[in-house]
Amino acid sequence: MIVADFATIPMGEGTSASHYVLAVHELLRQSGIKFAAGPMSTAIEASSFEQLFEVIEKANKKLAEMGVQRIITSVHIDYRLDKDVSIESKLNTSK
């Protein structure tokens, strides 16, 4: 399992980005991918790099469809091979 954290920044679109965030989260809900919203980014679980980058590409395309002309995307990836990871396991502080 891959756990990744990504953020898309719509450049030149004003100081509030909440409607863009909501649109991306709706896209994630519709895709069925597991995700968790954070204060500055969104965590997602993906079964492969293909699935991960497909959903990130869809998020960028969604913003482009909304009229955004420049999008900065940052991604952090945790790809563990020694054990299964999930969003929950990364948040569990009791271990």
Protein backbone atom coordinates (compact mmCIF):
# COMPACT_ATOMS: atom_id res chain seq x y z
CA MET A 1 0.00 0.00 0.00
CA ILE A 2 1.16 3.52 -0.74
CA VAL A 3 0.20 6.42 1.49
CA ALA A 4 0.72 9.79 -0.12
CA ASP A 5 0.04 13.35 0.81
CA PHE A 6 -0.63 15.87 -1.94
CA ALA A 7 -1.62 19.48 -2.33
CA THR A 8 -2.68 21.40 -5.40
CA ILE A 9 -2.25 25.15 -5.36
CA PRO A 10 -4.33 27.13 -7.90
CA MET A 11 -2.02 30.05 -8.73
CA GLY A 12 -3.50 33.47 -9.35
CA GLU A 13 -6.98 32.52 -8.17
CA GLY A 14 -7.29 34.73 -5.09
CA THR A 15 -6.79 34.08 -1.41
CA SER A 16 -9.55 31.51 -0.85
CA ALA A 17 -9.20 28.06 -2.38
CA SER A 18 -11.98 26.26 -0.49
CA HIS A 19 -14.18 25.69 -3.55
CA TYR A 20 -11.23 24.09 -5.36
CA VAL A 21 -10.49 21.86 -2.36
CA LEU A 22 -14.15 20.81 -2.19
CA ALA A 23 -14.15 19.99 -5.92
CA VAL A 24 -11.04 17.80 -5.58
CA HIS A 25 -12.45 16.05 -2.51
CA GLU A 26 -15.68 15.32 -4.39
CA LEU A 27 -13.61 13.84 -7.22
CA LEU A 28 -11.78 11.65 -4.69
CA ARG A 29 -15.10 10.53 -3.15
CA GLN A 30 -16.42 9.58 -6.58
CA SER A 31 -13.24 7.67 -7.42
CA GLY A 32 -13.63 5.49 -4.32
CA ILE A 33 -10.05 6.06 -3.21
CA LYS A 34 -9.54 6.33 0.54
CA PHE A 35 -8.51 9.83 1.58
CA ALA A 36 -8.29 12.08 4.61
CA ALA A 37 -8.43 15.84 4.46
CA GLY A 38 -5.76 17.74 6.35
CA PRO A 39 -5.40 21.45 7.06
CA MET A 40 -2.90 22.02 4.22
CA SER A 41 -3.03 18.85 2.10
CA THR A 42 -4.89 15.60 1.50
CA ALA A 43 -3.67 12.10 2.36
CA ILE A 44 -4.62 9.23 0.07
CA GLU A 45 -4.08 5.47 0.01
CA ALA A 46 -3.23 3.88 -3.32
CA SER A 47 -2.52 0.31 -4.30
CA SER A 48 0.00 1.33 -6.99
CA PHE A 49 1.93 4.28 -8.33
CA GLU A 50 -0.33 4.17 -11.39
CA GLN A 51 -3.43 4.63 -9.23
CA LEU A 52 -1.73 7.36 -7.20
CA PHE A 53 -0.67 9.45 -10.17
CA GLU A 54 -3.95 8.83 -12.01
CA VAL A 55 -5.91 10.42 -9.16
CA ILE A 56 -3.44 13.32 -8.88
CA GLU A 57 -3.72 13.89 -12.63
CA LYS A 58 -7.53 13.87 -12.36
CA ALA A 59 -7.33 16.45 -9.54
CA ASN A 60 -5.19 18.73 -11.71
CA LYS A 61 -7.53 18.29 -14.68
CA LYS A 62 -10.53 19.13 -12.47
CA LEU A 63 -8.91 22.42 -11.45
CA ALA A 64 -8.10 23.16 -15.11
CA GLU A 65 -11.74 22.53 -16.02
CA MET A 66 -12.64 25.09 -13.34
CA GLY A 67 -10.56 27.69 -15.18
CA VAL A 68 -7.30 27.55 -13.23
CA GLN A 69 -4.44 28.45 -15.58
CA ARG A 70 -1.51 27.46 -13.35
CA ILE A 71 -1.44 24.68 -10.76
CA ILE A 72 1.42 23.84 -8.42
CA THR A 73 1.22 20.27 -7.10
CA SER A 74 3.34 18.86 -4.30
CA VAL A 75 3.42 15.16 -3.40
CA HIS A 76 4.97 13.19 -0.53
CA ILE A 77 4.96 9.42 -0.89
CA ASP A 78 5.44 6.72 1.74
CA TYR A 79 6.06 3.46 -0.12
CA ARG A 80 6.84 0.79 2.46
CA LEU A 81 7.79 -2.70 1.46
CA ASP A 82 8.48 -4.13 4.91
CA LYS A 83 4.89 -3.86 6.23
CA ASP A 84 1.42 -2.66 5.33
CA VAL A 85 0.71 0.99 5.97
CA SER A 86 -2.48 3.00 5.93
CA ILE A 87 -3.58 6.48 6.82
CA GLU A 88 -4.80 5.13 10.16
CA SER A 89 -1.55 3.32 10.94
CA LYS A 90 0.41 6.50 10.30
CA LEU A 91 -1.87 8.45 12.63
CA ASN A 92 -1.84 5.85 15.40
CA THR A 93 0.43 7.32 18.06
CA SER A 94 -0.01 4.47 20.56
CA LYS A 95 2.51 2.24 18.73
